[in-house]
Amino acid sequence: MFDDNPGEKNLLLIDYNSTRQKLLSGFFGAKCICEEADSIESALEKIRKKEYSVVLTSVALPHFNGLELMAHLQRYSPRTALVIISEDNSAGNTVKAFRAGAFEVIQKPFEMKKIESAIEKAFGQYELKCLKDNYQYHLEELVSERTVELDKALEEVEISYRSTLKALVQALETRDYETHGHSERVVTFSLRLGYEMGLDKESLHDLELGALMHDIGKIGVPDAVLRKPAKLNDEEWEKMKLHPLHGQKILRNIAFLEGATRIVAQHHEKWDGSGYPLGLRGEDIDIGARIFSVVDAFDAIISDRVYRKGRPYEQALEELEKYSGTQFDPAVIEAFKAVPKEDWEILRDRSLTDKEENFSFQAVVSELVYSRGSLEMVH
C-alpha cells in the first residue's frame, strides 16, 4: 500500500509501550523510513532538527500528554500529520485530540490494519500539504515574474504615451508664439520645484504631465485670436481665457491623466482668487497648478521675446516675491527661493540644446537633485 520510494515518507514513533513500539517499528520499517523516540525529550529534539511526514504517538506518555506535541509540530514542522493512539475510548478525549490538531485518533482495540490505514491516510495528508505549499511557492514565483513583465509592459506603454504627448505639444506650439525650449523648461522647472517641496512620486508624475500639457486647450482657440500679433480685445481675451476648460474637456476621460488634468484646468488660477477660469483661491487650487504658475511666470520673465530681452534671475525673483500672497502661493515662493540659482541655469541651458527625442524629464531633474545630496524639504 505504500510507495516504493521510502525517501518521500518518514515516520516517527513515540510510545511508552516498548512491545507495541517494536511491533510498529518492525511493521512500518519495511515500508518507509521509520524512526523511534524512547522519551519525549529525544522526540522533541528530533522534531526540531527534521521534518517528519507523520508522527505516531500515544496520548498517555510518561510526564507528558501526547496532545501537547501538536504545539511543537506547529512551530517546527507544521505539515506533519499527527496520529494519536488513545487508551481511552471516551468521546470527550477523542474530541480533545481533534481539537488539538490531531489528524487521526486510533482507539482500542488496536488492530494493525486500522493503524496502517490511519498512517497511510496521514501520509496522503502530508503529501497534499507539500503539493499545496509547492503550488503556492510556484504561484508566487509566477506572479512575481508576471508582475515584472507587466511593469515592463506598462513602462513601455507610458514611454509611448509620453512620446505621443510630446509630439502633440510640439504640433500645438507651431500654432503659437512660444519661445524655443519653453515646454521642456516649464516641465523640468516644475519638477525641480516639486522635488524641493517634497512631492511624492505620483504627484511628481501628475506635475510632469500637467506641465507638459498645460496649454493643450489652445487647440480650441481660433487662430485669429491665438496668433494675433496685436493686443487682444475684450471679446478675444474672453475666448483665450477658456483654454484651460478646453484642455480639461480634452483630457477628462483619460484615466492616467486625471491628476494632470487638474493642473491643466487650474494653471491660471491665482492664490487670492483673481485668476481664471473658476476664480479658485488658496489651497483649493491644486498644488501642481500652484507650482506650475510660479515656474511659468519665472520662465516668461527670464526668456527673450521679440519685443524685449529676458531679465536676469535676480529681477525674476524680485518679481515673484512681489506677487507672493496674491498671484502665487507663499509656500511655493519660499521653496523656489531655496532652489540654488545654478539649478535653474542648468535646466535653462539644457532646454536650448538639441537632444534625443525620448529623453526622460524625470531622469534629468532627479539626477540634478540627487547629485547635490539630500535636500532640505520645504512644506
Protein backbone atom coordinates (compact mmCIF):
# COMPACT_ATOMS: atom_id res chain seq x y z
CA MET A 1 0.00 0.00 0.00
CA PHE A 2 2.99 2.28 0.49
CA ASP A 3 5.18 3.84 -2.15
CA ASP A 4 8.34 2.01 -3.17
CA ASN A 5 10.26 5.25 -2.72
CA PRO A 6 10.81 5.50 1.05
CA GLY A 7 12.71 8.79 0.71
CA GLU A 8 9.39 10.62 0.32
CA LYS A 9 7.89 9.26 3.55
CA ASN A 10 9.22 9.10 7.07
CA LEU A 11 7.53 8.17 10.30
CA LEU A 12 8.42 8.99 13.91
CA LEU A 13 7.14 6.55 16.55
CA ILE A 14 6.76 7.72 20.17
CA ASP A 15 5.27 5.13 22.52
CA TYR A 16 5.78 4.29 26.19
CA ASN A 17 4.73 0.69 25.46
CA SER A 18 8.01 -0.90 24.30
CA THR A 19 6.32 -4.06 22.99
CA ARG A 20 3.95 -2.08 20.83
CA GLN A 21 6.78 0.22 19.78
CA LYS A 22 8.86 -2.72 18.49
CA LEU A 23 5.89 -4.23 16.72
CA LEU A 24 5.07 -0.98 14.96
CA SER A 25 8.71 -0.26 14.13
CA GLY A 26 9.17 -3.69 12.58
CA PHE A 27 5.99 -3.42 10.56
CA PHE A 28 6.42 0.13 9.22
CA GLY A 29 10.22 -0.02 8.95
CA ALA A 30 9.84 -2.30 5.92
CA LYS A 31 7.54 0.19 4.19
CA CYS A 32 9.00 3.62 4.93
CA ILE A 33 11.75 5.40 6.83
CA CYS A 34 10.82 4.74 10.43
CA GLU A 35 12.49 6.30 13.49
CA GLU A 36 11.81 5.79 17.19
CA ALA A 37 11.99 8.07 20.19
CA ASP A 38 12.28 6.47 23.62
CA SER A 39 11.47 9.67 25.51
CA ILE A 40 9.61 12.88 24.89
CA GLU A 41 12.89 14.80 25.16
CA SER A 42 14.51 12.84 22.34
CA ALA A 43 11.30 13.13 20.29
CA LEU A 44 11.30 16.92 20.61
CA GLU A 45 14.97 17.06 19.70
CA LYS A 46 14.30 15.06 16.53
CA ILE A 47 11.29 17.22 15.58
CA ARG A 48 13.35 20.40 15.92
CA LYS A 49 16.00 19.03 13.54
CA LYS A 50 13.90 17.25 10.91
CA GLU A 51 10.52 17.36 9.26
CA TYR A 52 8.59 14.10 9.58
CA SER A 53 5.71 13.16 7.32
CA VAL A 54 3.81 11.53 10.18
CA VAL A 55 4.23 11.26 13.95
CA LEU A 56 2.50 8.36 15.73
CA THR A 57 2.23 8.71 19.48
CA SER A 58 0.21 7.66 22.49
CA VAL A 59 -1.77 10.22 24.42
CA ALA A 60 -0.57 8.82 27.76
CA LEU A 61 3.17 9.41 27.65
CA PRO A 62 5.11 9.47 30.94
CA HIS A 63 5.21 13.04 32.32
CA PHE A 64 3.76 14.37 29.03
CA ASN A 65 0.40 14.49 27.32
CA GLY A 66 0.77 13.40 23.71
CA LEU A 67 -1.61 16.15 22.62
CA GLU A 68 0.97 18.75 23.69
CA LEU A 69 3.15 17.57 20.79
CA MET A 70 0.91 19.49 18.40
CA ALA A 71 2.17 22.86 19.58
CA HIS A 72 5.76 21.78 18.86
CA LEU A 73 4.82 20.37 15.47
CA GLN A 74 3.02 23.56 14.50
CA ARG A 75 6.13 25.52 15.36
CA TYR A 76 8.83 23.31 13.86
CA SER A 77 7.06 21.07 11.34
CA PRO A 78 3.55 22.38 10.53
CA ARG A 79 2.98 19.99 7.63
CA THR A 80 3.49 16.87 9.78
CA ALA A 81 0.36 14.78 10.35
CA LEU A 82 -0.12 13.68 13.97
CA VAL A 83 -1.78 10.31 14.60
CA ILE A 84 -2.84 9.64 18.19
CA ILE A 85 -3.22 6.24 19.90
CA SER A 86 -5.81 6.68 22.65
CA GLU A 87 -6.06 4.33 25.60
CA ASP A 88 -9.41 5.90 26.48
CA ASN A 89 -12.34 5.33 24.15
CA SER A 90 -14.40 8.17 25.60
CA ALA A 91 -15.81 10.66 23.08
CA GLY A 92 -14.51 13.59 25.15
CA ASN A 93 -10.87 12.57 24.77
CA THR A 94 -11.31 11.97 21.06
CA VAL A 95 -12.79 15.42 20.59
CA LYS A 96 -9.90 16.94 22.59
CA ALA A 97 -7.40 15.18 20.32
CA PHE A 98 -9.00 16.51 17.14
CA ARG A 99 -9.30 19.99 18.60
CA ALA A 100 -5.61 19.89 19.47
CA GLY A 101 -4.87 19.30 15.79
CA ALA A 102 -4.54 15.53 15.51
CA PHE A 103 -5.10 14.16 12.02
CA GLU A 104 -6.44 10.81 13.22
CA VAL A 105 -7.27 9.15 16.56
CA ILE A 106 -6.94 5.34 16.89
CA GLN A 107 -8.96 3.77 19.67
CA LYS A 108 -8.94 0.31 21.24
CA PRO A 109 -8.85 -2.40 20.10
CA PHE A 110 -5.52 -1.61 18.37
CA GLU A 111 -5.65 -3.55 15.14
CA MET A 112 -2.64 -3.32 12.81
CA LYS A 113 -4.92 -2.91 9.81
CA LYS A 114 -6.59 0.08 11.48
CA ILE A 115 -3.22 1.65 12.36
CA GLU A 116 -1.84 1.03 8.86
CA SER A 117 -4.90 2.65 7.27
CA ALA A 118 -4.57 5.71 9.51
CA ILE A 119 -0.85 6.08 8.75
CA GLU A 120 -1.47 5.72 5.02
CA LYS A 121 -4.09 8.48 5.12
CA ALA A 122 -1.74 10.63 7.19
CA PHE A 123 0.99 10.25 4.55
CA GLY A 124 -1.57 11.32 1.96
CA GLN A 125 -2.41 14.40 4.03
CA TYR A 126 1.28 15.29 4.33
CA GLU A 127 1.76 14.95 0.56
CA LEU A 128 -1.25 17.16 -0.10
CA LYS A 129 0.19 19.86 2.16
CA CYS A 130 3.54 19.59 0.36
CA LEU A 131 1.82 19.89 -3.02
CA LYS A 132 -0.15 22.90 -1.80
CA ASP A 133 3.00 24.60 -0.50
CA ASN A 134 4.82 23.80 -3.72
CA TYR A 135 1.93 25.20 -5.76
CA GLN A 136 1.81 28.32 -3.59
CA TYR A 137 5.56 28.83 -3.95
CA HIS A 138 5.47 28.48 -7.73
CA LEU A 139 2.33 30.61 -7.91
CA GLU A 140 4.05 33.40 -6.01
CA GLU A 141 7.11 32.96 -8.23
CA LEU A 142 4.90 33.11 -11.32
CA VAL A 143 3.06 36.18 -10.01
CA SER A 144 6.41 37.85 -9.34
CA GLU A 145 7.62 37.10 -12.86
CA ARG A 146 4.36 38.27 -14.41
CA THR A 147 4.44 41.43 -12.28
CA VAL A 148 7.90 42.26 -13.63
CA GLU A 149 6.65 41.60 -17.16
CA LEU A 150 3.56 43.75 -16.57
CA ASP A 151 5.62 46.58 -15.07
CA LYS A 152 7.88 46.48 -18.12
CA ALA A 153 4.89 46.49 -20.47
CA LEU A 154 3.30 49.40 -18.60
CA GLU A 155 6.60 51.27 -18.72
CA GLU A 156 6.76 50.77 -22.48
CA VAL A 157 3.16 51.97 -22.82
CA GLU A 158 3.92 55.04 -20.72
CA ILE A 159 7.01 55.83 -22.81
CA SER A 160 4.81 55.57 -25.89
CA TYR A 161 2.21 57.85 -24.28
CA ARG A 162 4.86 60.39 -23.36
CA SER A 163 6.27 60.40 -26.88
CA THR A 164 2.77 60.94 -28.27
CA LEU A 165 2.09 63.76 -25.81
CA LYS A 166 5.40 65.44 -26.64
CA ALA A 167 4.62 65.24 -30.34
CA LEU A 168 1.16 66.70 -29.71
CA VAL A 169 2.63 69.57 -27.71
CA GLN A 170 5.21 70.27 -30.42
CA ALA A 171 2.42 70.35 -33.01
CA LEU A 172 0.47 72.77 -30.83
CA GLU A 173 3.46 75.06 -30.46
CA THR A 174 3.63 75.56 -34.22
CA ARG A 175 0.33 77.47 -33.82
CA ASP A 176 1.60 79.69 -31.03
CA TYR A 177 4.48 82.06 -30.49
CA GLU A 178 6.19 80.10 -27.73
CA THR A 179 9.91 80.60 -27.26
CA HIS A 180 12.39 77.81 -28.07
CA GLY A 181 12.56 75.20 -25.30
CA HIS A 182 9.57 76.58 -23.36
CA SER A 183 7.80 73.23 -22.95
CA GLU A 184 10.90 71.47 -21.65
CA ARG A 185 11.70 74.32 -19.29
CA VAL A 186 8.28 74.53 -17.65
CA VAL A 187 8.29 70.74 -17.17
CA THR A 188 11.80 70.48 -15.70
CA PHE A 189 11.38 73.70 -13.69
CA SER A 190 8.11 72.34 -12.26
CA LEU A 191 9.69 69.00 -11.36
CA ARG A 192 12.67 70.73 -9.71
CA LEU A 193 10.34 72.83 -7.59
CA GLY A 194 8.17 69.78 -6.89
CA TYR A 195 11.21 67.92 -5.54
CA GLU A 196 12.01 70.91 -3.35
CA MET A 197 8.51 70.80 -1.88
CA GLY A 198 8.75 67.08 -1.17
CA LEU A 199 6.02 65.88 -3.53
CA ASP A 200 5.56 62.12 -3.70
CA LYS A 201 6.16 60.04 -6.85
CA GLU A 202 2.54 60.12 -8.01
CA SER A 203 2.28 63.89 -7.57
CA LEU A 204 5.53 64.42 -9.48
CA HIS A 205 4.16 62.24 -12.29
CA ASP A 206 0.98 64.36 -12.43
CA LEU A 207 3.04 67.55 -12.29
CA GLU A 208 5.24 66.46 -15.19
CA LEU A 209 2.34 65.62 -17.50
CA GLY A 210 0.25 68.58 -16.36
CA ALA A 211 3.11 70.98 -17.08
CA LEU A 212 3.73 69.35 -20.45
CA MET A 213 0.06 69.55 -21.46
CA HIS A 214 -0.79 72.87 -19.77
CA ASP A 215 -1.78 74.66 -22.98
CA ILE A 216 -3.41 71.73 -24.80
CA GLY A 217 -6.71 73.62 -24.60
CA LYS A 218 -5.40 76.23 -27.03
CA ILE A 219 -6.38 73.75 -29.73
CA GLY A 220 -9.87 75.14 -29.13
CA VAL A 221 -8.80 78.79 -29.52
CA PRO A 222 -9.27 80.26 -33.03
CA ASP A 223 -6.09 81.10 -34.97
CA ALA A 224 -7.28 84.67 -35.35
CA VAL A 225 -7.08 85.01 -31.57
CA LEU A 226 -4.13 82.74 -30.81
CA ARG A 227 -1.85 84.17 -33.50
CA LYS A 228 -2.96 87.79 -33.34
CA PRO A 229 0.22 89.94 -33.28
CA ALA A 230 -1.51 92.82 -31.50
CA LYS A 231 -3.16 93.11 -28.10
CA LEU A 232 -6.38 91.12 -27.73
CA ASN A 233 -9.66 92.98 -27.32
CA ASP A 234 -12.08 92.09 -24.53
CA GLU A 235 -14.05 89.59 -26.62
CA GLU A 236 -10.89 87.88 -27.86
CA TRP A 237 -9.47 87.75 -24.36
CA GLU A 238 -12.61 86.00 -23.08
CA LYS A 239 -12.10 83.35 -25.76
CA MET A 240 -8.44 82.95 -24.78
CA LYS A 241 -9.37 82.56 -21.10
CA LEU A 242 -11.42 79.48 -21.94
CA HIS A 243 -8.38 77.41 -22.98
CA PRO A 244 -7.92 75.76 -19.50
CA LEU A 245 -11.51 74.45 -19.71
CA HIS A 246 -10.94 73.29 -23.29
CA GLY A 247 -7.89 71.39 -22.03
CA GLN A 248 -9.88 69.83 -19.21
CA LYS A 249 -12.53 68.61 -21.65
CA ILE A 250 -9.91 67.12 -23.96
CA LEU A 251 -8.18 65.16 -21.18
CA ARG A 252 -11.01 64.38 -18.75
CA ASN A 253 -11.71 60.82 -19.92
CA ILE A 254 -8.07 59.68 -19.89
CA ALA A 255 -7.64 57.87 -16.57
CA PHE A 256 -3.84 58.13 -16.24
CA LEU A 257 -4.04 61.90 -16.85
CA GLU A 258 -6.57 62.58 -14.08
CA GLY A 259 -4.07 64.41 -11.86
CA ALA A 260 -2.51 66.21 -14.82
CA THR A 261 -5.97 67.36 -15.95
CA ARG A 262 -6.44 69.31 -12.71
CA ILE A 263 -3.22 71.19 -13.41
CA VAL A 264 -4.29 71.93 -16.99
CA ALA A 265 -7.66 73.23 -15.76
CA GLN A 266 -6.25 75.37 -12.92
CA HIS A 267 -2.87 76.66 -14.09
CA HIS A 268 -4.19 80.24 -14.48
CA GLU A 269 -5.90 80.37 -11.08
CA LYS A 270 -4.36 82.77 -8.52
CA TRP A 271 -3.76 82.45 -4.81
CA ASP A 272 -6.07 85.41 -4.00
CA GLY A 273 -8.93 84.12 -6.19
CA SER A 274 -8.49 86.65 -9.01
CA GLY A 275 -7.45 84.07 -11.61
CA TYR A 276 -9.45 82.24 -14.24
CA PRO A 277 -11.49 80.33 -15.36
CA LEU A 278 -13.13 79.45 -12.00
CA GLY A 279 -11.69 82.01 -9.58
CA LEU A 280 -10.36 79.37 -7.17
CA ARG A 281 -8.32 80.63 -4.24
CA GLY A 282 -5.68 79.38 -1.80
CA GLU A 283 -5.35 75.65 -1.21
CA ASP A 284 -8.49 74.98 -3.24
CA ILE A 285 -6.10 75.25 -6.18
CA ASP A 286 -4.25 72.01 -6.94
CA ILE A 287 -0.68 72.05 -5.58
CA GLY A 288 0.65 71.13 -9.02
CA ALA A 289 -1.13 74.11 -10.56
CA ARG A 290 0.28 76.41 -7.84
CA ILE A 291 3.79 75.17 -8.56
CA PHE A 292 3.35 75.46 -12.32
CA SER A 293 2.06 79.04 -12.16
CA VAL A 294 5.28 80.13 -10.43
CA VAL A 295 7.68 78.45 -12.88
CA ASP A 296 5.61 79.55 -15.88
CA ALA A 297 5.88 83.17 -14.73
CA PHE A 298 9.59 82.68 -13.99
CA ASP A 299 10.22 81.33 -17.49
CA ALA A 300 8.29 84.20 -19.06
CA ILE A 301 10.43 86.73 -17.18
CA ILE A 302 13.85 85.21 -18.00
CA SER A 303 13.11 84.31 -21.65
CA ASP A 304 13.80 86.55 -24.62
CA ARG A 305 10.84 87.92 -26.54
CA VAL A 306 10.70 89.67 -29.93
CA TYR A 307 9.92 92.92 -28.17
CA ARG A 308 12.31 92.58 -25.18
CA LYS A 309 15.26 90.72 -23.72
CA GLY A 310 14.84 88.26 -20.88
CA ARG A 311 15.65 89.59 -17.42
CA PRO A 312 18.23 88.06 -15.04
CA TYR A 313 17.40 85.65 -12.21
CA GLU A 314 17.59 88.34 -9.51
CA GLN A 315 14.95 90.51 -11.19
CA ALA A 316 12.74 87.49 -11.82
CA LEU A 317 12.96 86.51 -8.14
CA GLU A 318 12.09 90.07 -7.10
CA GLU A 319 9.02 89.95 -9.36
CA LEU A 320 7.88 86.58 -7.94
CA GLU A 321 8.27 87.81 -4.36
CA LYS A 322 6.29 90.94 -5.21
CA TYR A 323 3.23 88.81 -6.05
CA SER A 324 3.64 86.24 -3.28
CA GLY A 325 0.34 86.01 -1.42
CA THR A 326 -1.67 87.50 -4.29
CA GLN A 327 -0.87 85.68 -7.54
CA PHE A 328 1.34 82.98 -6.00
CA ASP A 329 1.24 80.60 -3.03
CA PRO A 330 3.76 81.99 -0.48
CA ALA A 331 4.94 78.47 0.43
CA VAL A 332 5.77 77.76 -3.21
CA ILE A 333 7.70 81.03 -3.46
CA GLU A 334 9.72 80.09 -0.35
CA ALA A 335 10.52 76.72 -1.88
CA PHE A 336 11.52 78.43 -5.14
CA LYS A 337 13.97 80.66 -3.24
CA ALA A 338 15.51 77.57 -1.63
CA VAL A 339 16.47 76.08 -5.02
CA PRO A 340 20.06 77.05 -5.95
CA LYS A 341 20.22 79.59 -8.79
CA GLU A 342 22.60 77.24 -10.62
CA ASP A 343 19.88 74.58 -10.93
CA TRP A 344 17.62 76.93 -12.89
CA GLU A 345 20.54 77.89 -15.12
CA ILE A 346 21.47 74.26 -15.80
CA LEU A 347 17.89 73.36 -16.75
CA ARG A 348 17.51 76.51 -18.89
CA ASP A 349 20.75 75.89 -20.79
CA ARG A 350 19.77 72.27 -21.37
CA SER A 351 16.42 73.29 -22.85
CA LEU A 352 18.25 75.24 -25.57
CA THR A 353 20.38 72.32 -26.78
CA ASP A 354 19.47 69.59 -29.23
CA LYS A 355 18.91 66.17 -27.63
CA GLU A 356 17.42 62.73 -28.26
CA GLU A 357 13.65 62.65 -28.67
CA ASN A 358 12.76 60.15 -25.94
CA PHE A 359 14.72 61.54 -23.02
CA SER A 360 13.09 61.45 -19.57
CA PHE A 361 12.25 64.74 -17.83
CA GLN A 362 12.10 62.87 -14.52
CA ALA A 363 15.59 61.41 -15.02
CA VAL A 364 17.07 64.81 -15.91
CA VAL A 365 15.71 66.50 -12.79
CA SER A 366 16.27 63.63 -10.33
CA GLU A 367 19.89 63.37 -11.47
CA LEU A 368 20.32 67.09 -10.83
CA VAL A 369 18.64 66.89 -7.42
CA TYR A 370 20.47 63.85 -6.09
CA SER A 371 23.83 64.98 -7.40
CA ARG A 372 23.52 67.80 -4.88
CA GLY A 373 22.84 65.40 -2.00
CA SER A 374 19.90 65.48 0.36
CA LEU A 375 17.53 68.40 0.07
CA GLU A 376 16.05 70.31 2.97
CA MET A 377 12.39 69.96 2.04
CA VAL A 378 10.10 72.98 2.33
CA HIS A 379 6.47 72.25 3.24
